[in-house]
PDB file of all heavy atoms in Angstrom:
ATOM      1  N   LEU A   1      60.668  85.714  67.022  1.00  0.00           N
ATOM      2  CA  LEU A   1      59.355  86.198  67.536  1.00  0.00           C
ATOM      3  C   LEU A   1      59.605  87.283  68.628  1.00  0.00           C
ATOM      4  O   LEU A   1      59.044  88.353  68.612  1.00  0.00           O
ATOM      5  CB  LEU A   1      58.500  85.182  68.150  1.00  0.00           C
ATOM      6  CG  LEU A   1      57.866  84.240  67.078  1.00  0.00           C
ATOM      7  CD1 LEU A   1      57.134  83.069  67.828  1.00  0.00           C
ATOM      8  CD2 LEU A   1      56.865  84.925  66.193  1.00  0.00           C
ATOM      9  N   ALA A   2      60.597  87.038  69.475  1.00  0.00           N
ATOM     10  CA  ALA A   2      61.033  88.053  70.449  1.00  0.00           C
ATOM     11  C   ALA A   2      61.637  89.318  69.758  1.00  0.00           C
ATOM     12  O   ALA A   2      61.327  90.455  70.148  1.00  0.00           O
ATOM     13  CB  ALA A   2      62.070  87.463  71.393  1.00  0.00           C
ATOM     14  N   LEU A   3      62.377  89.151  68.776  1.00  0.00           N
ATOM     15  CA  LEU A   3      62.943  90.291  68.020  1.00  0.00           C
ATOM     16  C   LEU A   3      61.818  91.069  67.251  1.00  0.00           C
ATOM     17  O   LEU A   3      61.797  92.254  67.297  1.00  0.00           O
ATOM     18  CB  LEU A   3      63.970  89.836  66.941  1.00  0.00           C
ATOM     19  CG  LEU A   3      65.349  89.336  67.517  1.00  0.00           C
ATOM     20  CD1 LEU A   3      66.132  88.712  66.486  1.00  0.00           C
ATOM     21  CD2 LEU A   3      66.133  90.543  68.138  1.00  0.00           C
ATOM     22  N   PHE A   4      60.812  90.260  66.786  1.00  0.00           N
ATOM     23  CA  PHE A   4      59.762  90.906  66.072  1.00  0.00           C
ATOM     24  C   PHE A   4      58.936  91.812  67.034  1.00  0.00           C
ATOM     25  O   PHE A   4      58.505  92.882  66.689  1.00  0.00           O
ATOM     26  CB  PHE A   4      58.898  89.849  65.474  1.00  0.00           C
ATOM     27  CG  PHE A   4      57.571  90.315  64.829  1.00  0.00           C
ATOM     28  CD1 PHE A   4      57.569  91.020  63.615  1.00  0.00           C
ATOM     29  CD2 PHE A   4      56.388  90.209  65.572  1.00  0.00           C
ATOM     30  CE1 PHE A   4      56.383  91.501  63.122  1.00  0.00           C
ATOM     31  CE2 PHE A   4      55.197  90.760  65.018  1.00  0.00           C
ATOM     32  CZ  PHE A   4      55.200  91.377  63.810  1.00  0.00           C
ATOM     33  N   GLU A   5      58.681  91.295  68.214  1.00  0.00           N
ATOM     34  CA  GLU A   5      57.932  91.942  69.222  1.00  0.00           C
ATOM     35  C   GLU A   5      58.572  93.230  69.615  1.00  0.00           C
ATOM     36  O   GLU A   5      57.908  94.314  69.772  1.00  0.00           O
ATOM     37  CB  GLU A   5      57.617  91.043  70.449  1.00  0.00           C
ATOM     38  CG  GLU A   5      56.543  91.656  71.280  1.00  0.00           C
ATOM     39  CD  GLU A   5      56.119  90.606  72.386  1.00  0.00           C
ATOM     40  OE1 GLU A   5      56.386  89.312  72.198  1.00  0.00           O
ATOM     41  OE2 GLU A   5      55.481  90.966  73.363  1.00  0.00           O
ATOM     42  N   CYS A   6      59.860  93.152  69.778  1.00  0.00           N
ATOM     43  CA  CYS A   6      60.728  94.315  70.218  1.00  0.00           C
ATOM     44  C   CYS A   6      60.671  95.329  69.030  1.00  0.00           C
ATOM     45  O   CYS A   6      60.522  96.546  69.271  1.00  0.00           O
ATOM     46  CB  CYS A   6      62.053  93.888  70.477  1.00  0.00           C
ATOM     47  SG  CYS A   6      63.140  95.335  70.972  1.00  0.00           S
ATOM     48  N   TRP A   7      60.891  94.925  67.822  1.00  0.00           N
ATOM     49  CA  TRP A   7      60.882  95.825  66.621  1.00  0.00           C
ATOM     50  C   TRP A   7      59.490  96.468  66.450  1.00  0.00           C
ATOM     51  O   TRP A   7      59.417  97.704  66.207  1.00  0.00           O
ATOM     52  CB  TRP A   7      61.185  94.987  65.378  1.00  0.00           C
ATOM     53  CG  TRP A   7      61.080  95.696  64.141  1.00  0.00           C
ATOM     54  CD1 TRP A   7      61.910  96.583  63.562  1.00  0.00           C
ATOM     55  CD2 TRP A   7      59.975  95.489  63.144  1.00  0.00           C
ATOM     56  NE1 TRP A   7      61.424  97.043  62.392  1.00  0.00           N
ATOM     57  CE2 TRP A   7      60.300  96.370  62.088  1.00  0.00           C
ATOM     58  CE3 TRP A   7      58.888  94.673  63.137  1.00  0.00           C
ATOM     59  CZ2 TRP A   7      59.361  96.415  60.971  1.00  0.00           C
ATOM     60  CZ3 TRP A   7      57.968  94.853  62.031  1.00  0.00           C
ATOM     61  CH2 TRP A   7      58.264  95.724  60.926  1.00  0.00           C
ATOM     62  N   SER A   8      58.437  95.705  66.653  1.00  0.00           N
ATOM     63  CA  SER A   8      57.136  96.226  66.466  1.00  0.00           C
ATOM     64  C   SER A   8      56.750  97.365  67.430  1.00  0.00           C
ATOM     65  O   SER A   8      55.895  98.193  67.083  1.00  0.00           O
ATOM     66  CB  SER A   8      56.021  95.180  66.548  1.00  0.00           C
ATOM     67  OG  SER A   8      56.218  94.130  65.526  1.00  0.00           O
ATOM     68  N   SER A   9      57.264  97.196  68.562  1.00  0.00           N
ATOM     69  CA  SER A   9      57.003  98.286  69.679  1.00  0.00           C
ATOM     70  C   SER A   9      58.002  99.355  69.732  1.00  0.00           C
ATOM     71  O   SER A   9      57.849 100.286  70.605  1.00  0.00           O
ATOM     72  CB  SER A   9      56.912  97.571  71.013  1.00  0.00           C
ATOM     73  OG  SER A   9      58.116  96.907  71.344  1.00  0.00           O
ATOM     74  N   SER A  10      59.015  99.399  68.801  1.00  0.00           N
ATOM     75  CA  SER A  10      60.000 100.482  68.822  1.00  0.00           C
ATOM     76  C   SER A  10      59.435 101.778  68.257  1.00  0.00           C
ATOM     77  O   SER A  10      58.480 101.739  67.352  1.00  0.00           O
ATOM     78  CB  SER A  10      61.184 100.072  68.091  1.00  0.00           C
ATOM     79  OG  SER A  10      60.963  99.881  66.720  1.00  0.00           O
ATOM     80  N   ASN A  11      59.905 102.830  68.769  1.00  0.00           N
ATOM     81  CA  ASN A  11      59.476 104.126  68.292  1.00  0.00           C
ATOM     82  C   ASN A  11      59.993 104.523  66.809  1.00  0.00           C
ATOM     83  O   ASN A  11      59.413 105.353  66.190  1.00  0.00           O
ATOM     84  CB  ASN A  11      59.930 105.244  69.261  1.00  0.00           C
ATOM     85  CG  ASN A  11      59.293 105.136  70.594  1.00  0.00           C
ATOM     86  OD1 ASN A  11      58.030 104.806  70.690  1.00  0.00           O
ATOM     87  ND2 ASN A  11      59.932 105.483  71.646  1.00  0.00           N
ATOM     88  N   ASN A  12      61.015 103.813  66.430  1.00  0.00           N
ATOM     89  CA  ASN A  12      61.593 104.098  65.058  1.00  0.00           C
ATOM     90  C   ASN A  12      61.468 102.934  64.161  1.00  0.00           C
ATOM     91  O   ASN A  12      62.444 102.644  63.400  1.00  0.00           O
ATOM     92  CB  ASN A  12      63.008 104.582  65.179  1.00  0.00           C
ATOM     93  CG  ASN A  12      63.927 103.589  65.933  1.00  0.00           C
ATOM     94  OD1 ASN A  12      63.395 102.771  66.658  1.00  0.00           O
ATOM     95  ND2 ASN A  12      65.187 103.775  65.904  1.00  0.00           N
ATOM     96  N   GLN A  13      60.382 102.267  64.341  1.00  0.00           N
ATOM     97  CA  GLN A  13      60.187 101.061  63.504  1.00  0.00           C
ATOM     98  C   GLN A  13      60.388 101.241  62.065  1.00  0.00           C
ATOM     99  O   GLN A  13      60.788 100.376  61.300  1.00  0.00           O
ATOM    100  CB  GLN A  13      58.812 100.411  63.848  1.00  0.00           C
ATOM    101  CG  GLN A  13      58.446  99.194  63.117  1.00  0.00           C
ATOM    102  CD  GLN A  13      57.009  98.792  63.353  1.00  0.00           C
ATOM    103  OE1 GLN A  13      56.302  99.360  64.095  1.00  0.00           O
ATOM    104  NE2 GLN A  13      56.477  97.674  62.743  1.00  0.00           N
ATOM    105  N   ASN A  14      59.821 102.359  61.607  1.00  0.00           N
ATOM    106  CA  ASN A  14      59.783 102.683  60.178  1.00  0.00           C
ATOM    107  C   ASN A  14      61.193 103.125  59.655  1.00  0.00           C
ATOM    108  O   ASN A  14      61.356 103.398  58.471  1.00  0.00           O
ATOM    109  CB  ASN A  14      58.811 103.921  59.815  1.00  0.00           C
ATOM    110  CG  ASN A  14      59.135 105.084  60.483  1.00  0.00           C
ATOM    111  OD1 ASN A  14      59.918 105.153  61.431  1.00  0.00           O
ATOM    112  ND2 ASN A  14      58.623 106.259  60.001  1.00  0.00           N
ATOM    113  N   GLU A  15      62.239 103.046  60.514  1.00  0.00           N
ATOM    114  CA  GLU A  15      63.586 103.349  60.111  1.00  0.00           C
ATOM    115  C   GLU A  15      64.478 102.156  60.127  1.00  0.00           C
ATOM    116  O   GLU A  15      65.653 102.225  59.885  1.00  0.00           O
ATOM    117  CB  GLU A  15      64.189 104.479  60.942  1.00  0.00           C
ATOM    118  CG  GLU A  15      63.422 105.819  60.834  1.00  0.00           C
ATOM    119  CD  GLU A  15      63.961 106.849  61.784  1.00  0.00           C
ATOM    120  OE1 GLU A  15      64.826 106.432  62.694  1.00  0.00           O
ATOM    121  OE2 GLU A  15      63.474 107.941  61.815  1.00  0.00           O
ATOM    122  N   MET A  16      63.944 100.919  60.516  1.00  0.00           N
ATOM    123  CA  MET A  16      64.656  99.741  60.701  1.00  0.00           C
ATOM    124  C   MET A  16      64.013  98.652  59.893  1.00  0.00           C
ATOM    125  O   MET A  16      62.856  98.372  59.981  1.00  0.00           O
ATOM    126  CB  MET A  16      64.690  99.320  62.167  1.00  0.00           C
ATOM    127  CG  MET A  16      65.361 100.329  63.096  1.00  0.00           C
ATOM    128  SD  MET A  16      65.576  99.668  64.814  1.00  0.00           S
ATOM    129  CE  MET A  16      63.795  99.573  65.231  1.00  0.00           C
ATOM    130  N   PHE A  17      64.870  97.966  59.137  1.00  0.00           N
ATOM    131  CA  PHE A  17      64.432  96.798  58.375  1.00  0.00           C
ATOM    132  C   PHE A  17      64.549  95.566  59.175  1.00  0.00           C
ATOM    133  O   PHE A  17      65.664  95.085  59.475  1.00  0.00           O
ATOM    134  CB  PHE A  17      65.234  96.710  57.051  1.00  0.00           C
ATOM    135  CG  PHE A  17      64.835  95.669  56.087  1.00  0.00           C
ATOM    136  CD1 PHE A  17      63.644  95.767  55.489  1.00  0.00           C
ATOM    137  CD2 PHE A  17      65.605  94.479  55.918  1.00  0.00           C
ATOM    138  CE1 PHE A  17      63.196  94.833  54.550  1.00  0.00           C
ATOM    139  CE2 PHE A  17      65.166  93.495  54.974  1.00  0.00           C
ATOM    140  CZ  PHE A  17      63.949  93.613  54.340  1.00  0.00           C
ATOM    141  N   TYR A  18      63.368  95.021  59.548  1.00  0.00           N
ATOM    142  CA  TYR A  18      63.377  93.832  60.483  1.00  0.00           C
ATOM    143  C   TYR A  18      64.166  92.665  59.964  1.00  0.00           C
ATOM    144  O   TYR A  18      64.765  91.935  60.706  1.00  0.00           O
ATOM    145  CB  TYR A  18      61.971  93.529  60.829  1.00  0.00           C
ATOM    146  CG  TYR A  18      61.818  92.206  61.528  1.00  0.00           C
ATOM    147  CD1 TYR A  18      62.242  92.189  62.822  1.00  0.00           C
ATOM    148  CD2 TYR A  18      61.279  91.035  60.898  1.00  0.00           C
ATOM    149  CE1 TYR A  18      62.185  90.965  63.544  1.00  0.00           C
ATOM    150  CE2 TYR A  18      61.231  89.838  61.744  1.00  0.00           C
ATOM    151  CZ  TYR A  18      61.622  89.812  62.980  1.00  0.00           C
ATOM    152  OH  TYR A  18      61.652  88.545  63.654  1.00  0.00           O
ATOM    153  N   GLY A  19      64.232  92.541  58.689  1.00  0.00           N
ATOM    154  CA  GLY A  19      64.901  91.396  58.018  1.00  0.00           C
ATOM    155  C   GLY A  19      66.420  91.387  58.327  1.00  0.00           C
ATOM    156  O   GLY A  19      67.036  90.316  58.237  1.00  0.00           O
ATOM    157  N   ASP A  20      66.958  92.535  58.663  1.00  0.00           N
ATOM    158  CA  ASP A  20      68.360  92.566  59.065  1.00  0.00           C
ATOM    159  C   ASP A  20      68.675  92.136  60.446  1.00  0.00           C
ATOM    160  O   ASP A  20      69.787  91.922  60.737  1.00  0.00           O
ATOM    161  CB  ASP A  20      68.868  94.023  58.904  1.00  0.00           C
ATOM    162  CG  ASP A  20      68.990  94.514  57.446  1.00  0.00           C
ATOM    163  OD1 ASP A  20      69.076  93.696  56.531  1.00  0.00           O
ATOM    164  OD2 ASP A  20      68.970  95.714  57.246  1.00  0.00           O
ATOM    165  N   GLN A  21      67.554  91.969  61.233  1.00  0.00           N
ATOM    166  CA  GLN A  21      67.778  91.635  62.672  1.00  0.00           C
ATOM    167  C   GLN A  21      67.761  90.159  62.949  1.00  0.00           C
ATOM    168  O   GLN A  21      67.989  89.700  63.987  1.00  0.00           O
ATOM    169  CB  GLN A  21      66.752  92.337  63.469  1.00  0.00           C
ATOM    170  CG  GLN A  21      66.748  93.867  63.382  1.00  0.00           C
ATOM    171  CD  GLN A  21      65.791  94.508  64.294  1.00  0.00           C
ATOM    172  OE1 GLN A  21      65.360  93.945  65.299  1.00  0.00           O
ATOM    173  NE2 GLN A  21      65.350  95.752  63.902  1.00  0.00           N
ATOM    174  N   VAL A  22      67.453  89.307  61.996  1.00  0.00           N
ATOM    175  CA  VAL A  22      67.280  87.859  62.080  1.00  0.00           C
ATOM    176  C   VAL A  22      68.373  87.132  61.323  1.00  0.00           C
ATOM    177  O   VAL A  22      69.090  87.663  60.623  1.00  0.00           O
ATOM    178  CB  VAL A  22      65.858  87.397  61.669  1.00  0.00           C
ATOM    179  CG1 VAL A  22      64.774  88.036  62.353  1.00  0.00           C
ATOM    180  CG2 VAL A  22      65.677  87.688  60.145  1.00  0.00           C
ATOM    181  N   ASP A  23      68.499  85.866  61.688  1.00  0.00           N
ATOM    182  CA  ASP A  23      69.581  85.057  61.099  1.00  0.00           C
ATOM    183  C   ASP A  23      69.258  84.857  59.550  1.00  0.00           C
ATOM    184  O   ASP A  23      70.228  85.033  58.796  1.00  0.00           O
ATOM    185  CB  ASP A  23      69.606  83.711  61.683  1.00  0.00           C
ATOM    186  CG  ASP A  23      68.232  82.945  61.812  1.00  0.00           C
ATOM    187  OD1 ASP A  23      67.272  83.523  61.470  1.00  0.00           O
ATOM    188  OD2 ASP A  23      68.246  81.742  62.059  1.00  0.00           O
ATOM    189  N   LYS A  24      68.035  84.690  59.117  1.00  0.00           N
ATOM    190  CA  LYS A  24      67.831  84.455  57.706  1.00  0.00           C
ATOM    191  C   LYS A  24      66.424  85.082  57.380  1.00  0.00           C
ATOM    192  O   LYS A  24      65.394  84.875  58.014  1.00  0.00           O
ATOM    193  CB  LYS A  24      67.854  83.040  57.268  1.00  0.00           C
ATOM    194  CG  LYS A  24      69.227  82.489  57.069  1.00  0.00           C
ATOM    195  CD  LYS A  24      69.254  81.193  56.294  1.00  0.00           C
ATOM    196  CE  LYS A  24      70.650  80.709  55.871  1.00  0.00           C
ATOM    197  NZ  LYS A  24      70.588  79.505  55.192  1.00  0.00           N
ATOM    198  N   CYS A  25      66.465  85.793  56.190  1.00  0.00           N
ATOM    199  CA  CYS A  25      65.123  86.361  55.642  1.00  0.00           C
ATOM    200  C   CYS A  25      65.153  85.908  54.199  1.00  0.00           C
ATOM    201  O   CYS A  25      66.031  86.204  53.385  1.00  0.00           O
ATOM    202  CB  CYS A  25      65.204  87.873  55.684  1.00  0.00           C
ATOM    203  SG  CYS A  25      63.789  88.622  54.940  1.00  0.00           S
ATOM    204  N   TYR A  26      64.220  84.978  53.906  1.00  0.00           N
ATOM    205  CA  TYR A  26      64.106  84.321  52.660  1.00  0.00           C
ATOM    206  C   TYR A  26      63.340  85.141  51.656  1.00  0.00           C
ATOM    207  O   TYR A  26      62.250  85.758  52.027  1.00  0.00           O
ATOM    208  CB  TYR A  26      63.545  82.980  52.732  1.00  0.00           C
ATOM    209  CG  TYR A  26      64.347  82.026  53.690  1.00  0.00           C
ATOM    210  CD1 TYR A  26      63.864  81.841  54.923  1.00  0.00           C
ATOM    211  CD2 TYR A  26      65.457  81.351  53.250  1.00  0.00           C
ATOM    212  CE1 TYR A  26      64.558  80.917  55.817  1.00  0.00           C
ATOM    213  CE2 TYR A  26      66.185  80.478  54.027  1.00  0.00           C
ATOM    214  CZ  TYR A  26      65.722  80.308  55.335  1.00  0.00           C
ATOM    215  OH  TYR A  26      66.416  79.489  56.199  1.00  0.00           O
ATOM    216  N   LYS A  27      63.748  85.028  50.397  1.00  0.00           N
ATOM    217  CA  LYS A  27      63.016  85.760  49.331  1.00  0.00           C
ATOM    218  C   LYS A  27      62.238  84.750  48.453  1.00  0.00           C
ATOM    219  O   LYS A  27      62.852  83.738  47.982  1.00  0.00           O
ATOM    220  CB  LYS A  27      63.955  86.626  48.449  1.00  0.00           C
ATOM    221  CG  LYS A  27      63.303  87.349  47.340  1.00  0.00           C
ATOM    222  CD  LYS A  27      64.361  88.155  46.490  1.00  0.00           C
ATOM    223  CE  LYS A  27      63.668  88.831  45.305  1.00  0.00           C
ATOM    224  NZ  LYS A  27      64.724  89.650  44.542  1.00  0.00           N
ATOM    225  N   CYS A  28      60.963  85.001  48.193  1.00  0.00           N
ATOM    226  CA  CYS A  28      60.093  84.121  47.479  1.00  0.00           C
ATOM    227  C   CYS A  28      59.330  84.862  46.436  1.00  0.00           C
ATOM    228  O   CYS A  28      58.483  85.640  46.853  1.00  0.00           O
ATOM    229  CB  CYS A  28      59.252  83.242  48.412  1.00  0.00           C
ATOM    230  SG  CYS A  28      58.206  82.100  47.524  1.00  0.00           S
TER     231      CYS A  28
END
């Protein structure tokens, strides 16, 4: 959640894939 908040407020959010910043991003 802390990483999400930081990513959401960044100026280059549309150039970063948030899923790369966390331990696990699951595909369903």
